[in-house]
């Protein structure tokens, strides 16, 4: 019986100690997607990226039209061509198709690099603002509800998205 009472007493002390520690934490959350969508810099970056992407799309469209034209010409004159001429034209079409695929792959890589170049300063600015608010408001943790495996439930009173936007001068 004494062991049971001691066990319950220890359990009570440990649970109250754990509650006291967790209530002293200051926790908040932010929706980074909402923050980033409201940043004017993101709009400019999106515009610059779209313009950059269009230049590659136009180049690929020109190459694709050239391929289509040469393919139609080949198909139209194939019956009158010698075997040697067919081989030359087939090789020409294959080379053009390879160039198109290579250009597409290169374009995707360059667009990804450009996107990273454009968005890195924006993400760094948002991160700095979040950290500044965390220091000013003395938060222990700030969770991003936009990320995978984030918070399943939280009270709206802990959302600091508006405070961070105000800190950045965003309405």
C-alpha atoms as a PDB file:
ATOM      1  CA  UNK A   1       0.000   0.000   0.000  1.00  0.00           C
ATOM      2  CA  UNK A   2       2.827   2.399   0.887  1.00  0.00           C
ATOM      3  CA  UNK A   3       4.447   1.602  -2.457  1.00  0.00           C
ATOM      4  CA  UNK A   4       1.221   2.460  -4.286  1.00  0.00           C
ATOM      5  CA  UNK A   5       0.901   5.806  -2.490  1.00  0.00           C
ATOM      6  CA  UNK A   6       4.574   6.609  -3.185  1.00  0.00           C
ATOM      7  CA  UNK A   7       4.112   5.637  -6.836  1.00  0.00           C
ATOM      8  CA  UNK A   8       1.042   7.883  -7.195  1.00  0.00           C
ATOM      9  CA  UNK A   9       2.774  10.754  -5.410  1.00  0.00           C
ATOM     10  CA  UNK A  10       5.812  10.500  -7.697  1.00  0.00           C
ATOM     11  CA  UNK A  11       3.559  10.378 -10.744  1.00  0.00           C
ATOM     12  CA  UNK A  12       1.675  13.475  -9.575  1.00  0.00           C
ATOM     13  CA  UNK A  13       4.898  15.399  -8.942  1.00  0.00           C
ATOM     14  CA  UNK A  14       6.317  14.453 -12.329  1.00  0.00           C
ATOM     15  CA  UNK A  15       3.123  15.375 -14.183  1.00  0.00           C
ATOM     16  CA  UNK A  16       2.878  18.772 -12.464  1.00  0.00           C
ATOM     17  CA  UNK A  17       6.543  19.398 -13.207  1.00  0.00           C
ATOM     18  CA  UNK A  18       6.006  18.545 -16.885  1.00  0.00           C
ATOM     19  CA  UNK A  19       2.943  20.800 -17.073  1.00  0.00           C
ATOM     20  CA  UNK A  20       4.856  23.678 -15.509  1.00  0.00           C
ATOM     21  CA  UNK A  21       7.624  23.302 -18.071  1.00  0.00           C
ATOM     22  CA  UNK A  22       5.298  23.167 -21.076  1.00  0.00           C
ATOM     23  CA  UNK A  23       3.188  26.135 -19.993  1.00  0.00           C
ATOM     24  CA  UNK A  24       6.284  28.333 -19.933  1.00  0.00           C
ATOM     25  CA  UNK A  25       6.919  27.719 -23.635  1.00  0.00           C
ATOM     26  CA  UNK A  26       5.760  30.386 -26.027  1.00  0.00           C
ATOM     27  CA  UNK A  27       4.645  28.840 -29.316  1.00  0.00           C
ATOM     28  CA  UNK A  28       3.253  30.369 -32.506  1.00  0.00           C
ATOM     29  CA  UNK A  29       2.663  29.376 -36.093  1.00  0.00           C
ATOM     30  CA  UNK A  30       2.841  31.004 -39.480  1.00  0.00           C
ATOM     31  CA  UNK A  31       1.541  30.175 -42.913  1.00  0.00           C
ATOM     32  CA  UNK A  32       4.598  30.799 -45.083  1.00  0.00           C
ATOM     33  CA  UNK A  33       2.590  30.385 -48.305  1.00  0.00           C
ATOM     34  CA  UNK A  34       0.318  33.290 -47.335  1.00  0.00           C
ATOM     35  CA  UNK A  35       3.343  35.368 -46.359  1.00  0.00           C
ATOM     36  CA  UNK A  36       5.195  34.674 -49.614  1.00  0.00           C
ATOM     37  CA  UNK A  37       2.075  35.284 -51.735  1.00  0.00           C
ATOM     38  CA  UNK A  38       1.712  38.734 -50.183  1.00  0.00           C
ATOM     39  CA  UNK A  39       5.300  39.832 -50.770  1.00  0.00           C
ATOM     40  CA  UNK A  40       5.624  42.319 -53.658  1.00  0.00           C
ATOM     41  CA  UNK A  41       9.075  40.932 -54.445  1.00  0.00           C
ATOM     42  CA  UNK A  42       7.498  37.572 -55.271  1.00  0.00           C
ATOM     43  CA  UNK A  43       5.244  39.184 -57.872  1.00  0.00           C
ATOM     44  CA  UNK A  44       8.280  40.749 -59.556  1.00  0.00           C
ATOM     45  CA  UNK A  45      10.175  37.455 -59.381  1.00  0.00           C
ATOM     46  CA  UNK A  46       7.232  35.561 -60.896  1.00  0.00           C
ATOM     47  CA  UNK A  47       7.046  38.083 -63.725  1.00  0.00           C
ATOM     48  CA  UNK A  48      10.787  37.925 -64.428  1.00  0.00           C
ATOM     49  CA  UNK A  49      10.712  34.122 -64.339  1.00  0.00           C
ATOM     50  CA  UNK A  50       7.745  33.968 -66.728  1.00  0.00           C
ATOM     51  CA  UNK A  51       9.529  36.308 -69.158  1.00  0.00           C
ATOM     52  CA  UNK A  52      12.714  34.237 -68.931  1.00  0.00           C
ATOM     53  CA  UNK A  53      10.731  31.022 -69.509  1.00  0.00           C
ATOM     54  CA  UNK A  54       8.985  32.480 -72.578  1.00  0.00           C
ATOM     55  CA  UNK A  55      12.303  33.024 -74.338  1.00  0.00           C
ATOM     56  CA  UNK A  56      13.049  29.311 -74.124  1.00  0.00           C
ATOM     57  CA  UNK A  57       9.507  28.360 -75.095  1.00  0.00           C
ATOM     58  CA  UNK A  58       9.717  30.536 -78.199  1.00  0.00           C
ATOM     59  CA  UNK A  59      13.062  29.014 -79.188  1.00  0.00           C
ATOM     60  CA  UNK A  60      11.721  25.470 -78.726  1.00  0.00           C
ATOM     61  CA  UNK A  61       8.565  26.301 -80.696  1.00  0.00           C
ATOM     62  CA  UNK A  62      10.680  27.556 -83.622  1.00  0.00           C
ATOM     63  CA  UNK A  63      12.755  24.383 -83.556  1.00  0.00           C
ATOM     64  CA  UNK A  64       9.630  22.215 -83.328  1.00  0.00           C
ATOM     65  CA  UNK A  65       8.055  23.979 -86.317  1.00  0.00           C
ATOM     66  CA  UNK A  66      11.267  23.461 -88.276  1.00  0.00           C
ATOM     67  CA  UNK A  67      11.156  19.760 -87.372  1.00  0.00           C
ATOM     68  CA  UNK A  68       7.481  19.493 -88.412  1.00  0.00           C
ATOM     69  CA  UNK A  69       8.196  21.195 -91.745  1.00  0.00           C
ATOM     70  CA  UNK A  70      11.191  18.972 -92.509  1.00  0.00           C
ATOM     71  CA  UNK A  71       9.237  15.878 -91.494  1.00  0.00           C
ATOM     72  CA  UNK A  72       6.356  16.802 -93.816  1.00  0.00           C
ATOM     73  CA  UNK A  73       8.783  17.475 -96.654  1.00  0.00           C
ATOM     74  CA  UNK A  74      10.456  14.138 -96.026  1.00  0.00           C
ATOM     75  CA  UNK A  75       7.146  12.281 -95.959  1.00  0.00           C
ATOM     76  CA  UNK A  76       5.961  14.037 -99.136  1.00  0.00           C
ATOM     77  CA  UNK A  77       9.130  13.249-101.119  1.00  0.00           C
ATOM     78  CA  UNK A  78      10.048   9.932 -99.528  1.00  0.00           C
ATOM     79  CA  UNK A  79       8.738   7.816-102.427  1.00  0.00           C
ATOM     80  CA  UNK A  80      10.984   9.549-104.962  1.00  0.00           C
ATOM     81  CA  UNK A  81      14.137   9.593-102.785  1.00  0.00           C
ATOM     82  CA  UNK A  82      17.036   7.230-103.107  1.00  0.00           C
ATOM     83  CA  UNK A  83      17.990   5.128-100.085  1.00  0.00           C
ATOM     84  CA  UNK A  84      21.076   7.270 -99.519  1.00  0.00           C
ATOM     85  CA  UNK A  85      18.961  10.439 -99.556  1.00  0.00           C
ATOM     86  CA  UNK A  86      16.432   8.873 -97.146  1.00  0.00           C
ATOM     87  CA  UNK A  87      19.260   8.036 -94.742  1.00  0.00           C
ATOM     88  CA  UNK A  88      20.602  11.594 -94.920  1.00  0.00           C
ATOM     89  CA  UNK A  89      17.152  13.125 -94.322  1.00  0.00           C
ATOM     90  CA  UNK A  90      16.356  10.651 -91.526  1.00  0.00           C
ATOM     91  CA  UNK A  91      19.657  11.459 -89.825  1.00  0.00           C
ATOM     92  CA  UNK A  92      18.923  15.183 -90.216  1.00  0.00           C
ATOM     93  CA  UNK A  93      15.508  14.718 -88.550  1.00  0.00           C
ATOM     94  CA  UNK A  94      17.003  12.652 -85.729  1.00  0.00           C
ATOM     95  CA  UNK A  95      19.695  15.271 -85.119  1.00  0.00           C
ATOM     96  CA  UNK A  96      17.102  18.042 -85.010  1.00  0.00           C
ATOM     97  CA  UNK A  97      14.954  16.051 -82.597  1.00  0.00           C
ATOM     98  CA  UNK A  98      17.998  15.447 -80.374  1.00  0.00           C
ATOM     99  CA  UNK A  99      18.772  19.203 -80.424  1.00  0.00           C
ATOM    100  CA  UNK A 100      15.164  19.970 -79.424  1.00  0.00           C
ATOM    101  CA  UNK A 101      15.327  17.526 -76.504  1.00  0.00           C
ATOM    102  CA  UNK A 102      18.716  18.862 -75.438  1.00  0.00           C
ATOM    103  CA  UNK A 103      17.436  22.436 -75.610  1.00  0.00           C
ATOM    104  CA  UNK A 104      14.388  21.505 -73.518  1.00  0.00           C
ATOM    105  CA  UNK A 105      16.543  19.869 -70.858  1.00  0.00           C
ATOM    106  CA  UNK A 106      18.978  22.776 -70.807  1.00  0.00           C
ATOM    107  CA  UNK A 107      16.086  25.242 -70.597  1.00  0.00           C
ATOM    108  CA  UNK A 108      14.586  23.430 -67.608  1.00  0.00           C
ATOM    109  CA  UNK A 109      17.919  23.507 -65.792  1.00  0.00           C
ATOM    110  CA  UNK A 110      18.463  27.203 -66.554  1.00  0.00           C
ATOM    111  CA  UNK A 111      14.905  28.087 -65.513  1.00  0.00           C
ATOM    112  CA  UNK A 112      15.358  26.213 -62.232  1.00  0.00           C
ATOM    113  CA  UNK A 113      18.629  28.045 -61.566  1.00  0.00           C
ATOM    114  CA  UNK A 114      17.009  31.397 -62.409  1.00  0.00           C
ATOM    115  CA  UNK A 115      14.087  30.616 -60.099  1.00  0.00           C
ATOM    116  CA  UNK A 116      16.475  29.823 -57.283  1.00  0.00           C
ATOM    117  CA  UNK A 117      18.415  33.041 -57.932  1.00  0.00           C
ATOM    118  CA  UNK A 118      15.214  35.098 -57.900  1.00  0.00           C
ATOM    119  CA  UNK A 119      13.589  33.475 -54.873  1.00  0.00           C
ATOM    120  CA  UNK A 120      16.572  33.063 -52.541  1.00  0.00           C
ATOM    121  CA  UNK A 121      16.643  36.740 -51.451  1.00  0.00           C
ATOM    122  CA  UNK A 122      12.852  36.701 -50.986  1.00  0.00           C
ATOM    123  CA  UNK A 123      12.970  33.589 -48.819  1.00  0.00           C
ATOM    124  CA  UNK A 124      15.881  35.012 -46.838  1.00  0.00           C
ATOM    125  CA  UNK A 125      13.949  38.248 -46.230  1.00  0.00           C
ATOM    126  CA  UNK A 126      10.890  36.326 -45.010  1.00  0.00           C
ATOM    127  CA  UNK A 127      13.054  34.089 -42.816  1.00  0.00           C
ATOM    128  CA  UNK A 128      14.762  37.114 -41.260  1.00  0.00           C
ATOM    129  CA  UNK A 129      11.409  38.778 -40.550  1.00  0.00           C
ATOM    130  CA  UNK A 130      10.087  35.605 -38.912  1.00  0.00           C
ATOM    131  CA  UNK A 131      13.193  35.325 -36.751  1.00  0.00           C
ATOM    132  CA  UNK A 132      12.996  39.017 -35.822  1.00  0.00           C
ATOM    133  CA  UNK A 133       9.367  38.632 -34.728  1.00  0.00           C
ATOM    134  CA  UNK A 134      10.277  35.497 -32.784  1.00  0.00           C
ATOM    135  CA  UNK A 135      12.975  37.412 -30.900  1.00  0.00           C
ATOM    136  CA  UNK A 136      10.798  40.490 -30.331  1.00  0.00           C
ATOM    137  CA  UNK A 137       7.830  38.457 -29.084  1.00  0.00           C
ATOM    138  CA  UNK A 138      10.044  35.977 -27.229  1.00  0.00           C
ATOM    139  CA  UNK A 139       8.650  32.867 -28.964  1.00  0.00           C
ATOM    140  CA  UNK A 140      10.250  29.540 -28.214  1.00  0.00           C
ATOM    141  CA  UNK A 141       8.907  27.828 -31.333  1.00  0.00           C
ATOM    142  CA  UNK A 142       7.232  28.940 -34.519  1.00  0.00           C
ATOM    143  CA  UNK A 143       5.739  26.253 -36.712  1.00  0.00           C
ATOM    144  CA  UNK A 144       4.981  26.608 -40.400  1.00  0.00           C
ATOM    145  CA  UNK A 145       1.505  25.196 -41.048  1.00  0.00           C
ATOM    146  CA  UNK A 146       2.252  25.192 -44.756  1.00  0.00           C
ATOM    147  CA  UNK A 147       5.031  22.579 -44.516  1.00  0.00           C
ATOM    148  CA  UNK A 148       4.631  18.811 -44.660  1.00  0.00           C
ATOM    149  CA  UNK A 149       4.006  17.173 -41.313  1.00  0.00           C
ATOM    150  CA  UNK A 150       3.088  20.517 -39.761  1.00  0.00           C
ATOM    151  CA  UNK A 151       0.490  21.244 -37.135  1.00  0.00           C
ATOM    152  CA  UNK A 152      -2.774  19.354 -37.267  1.00  0.00           C
ATOM    153  CA  UNK A 153      -4.556  21.705 -34.867  1.00  0.00           C
ATOM    154  CA  UNK A 154      -3.813  25.137 -33.518  1.00  0.00           C
ATOM    155  CA  UNK A 155      -5.657  28.160 -32.206  1.00  0.00           C
ATOM    156  CA  UNK A 156      -5.781  31.176 -34.482  1.00  0.00           C
ATOM    157  CA  UNK A 157      -4.471  33.372 -31.691  1.00  0.00           C
ATOM    158  CA  UNK A 158      -1.029  31.818 -32.242  1.00  0.00           C
ATOM    159  CA  UNK A 159      -0.895  32.759 -35.946  1.00  0.00           C
ATOM    160  CA  UNK A 160       1.786  35.421 -36.373  1.00  0.00           C
ATOM    161  CA  UNK A 161       1.488  35.727 -40.175  1.00  0.00           C
ATOM    162  CA  UNK A 162      -0.111  39.188 -39.856  1.00  0.00           C
ATOM    163  CA  UNK A 163       2.569  40.380 -37.427  1.00  0.00           C
ATOM    164  CA  UNK A 164       5.374  39.246 -39.744  1.00  0.00           C
ATOM    165  CA  UNK A 165       3.648  40.870 -42.739  1.00  0.00           C
ATOM    166  CA  UNK A 166       3.321  44.118 -40.741  1.00  0.00           C
ATOM    167  CA  UNK A 167       7.010  43.878 -39.802  1.00  0.00           C
ATOM    168  CA  UNK A 168       7.793  43.668 -43.512  1.00  0.00           C
ATOM    169  CA  UNK A 169       5.456  46.563 -44.358  1.00  0.00           C
ATOM    170  CA  UNK A 170       2.972  44.357 -46.214  1.00  0.00           C
ATOM    171  CA  UNK A 171      -0.755  44.897 -45.910  1.00  0.00           C
END
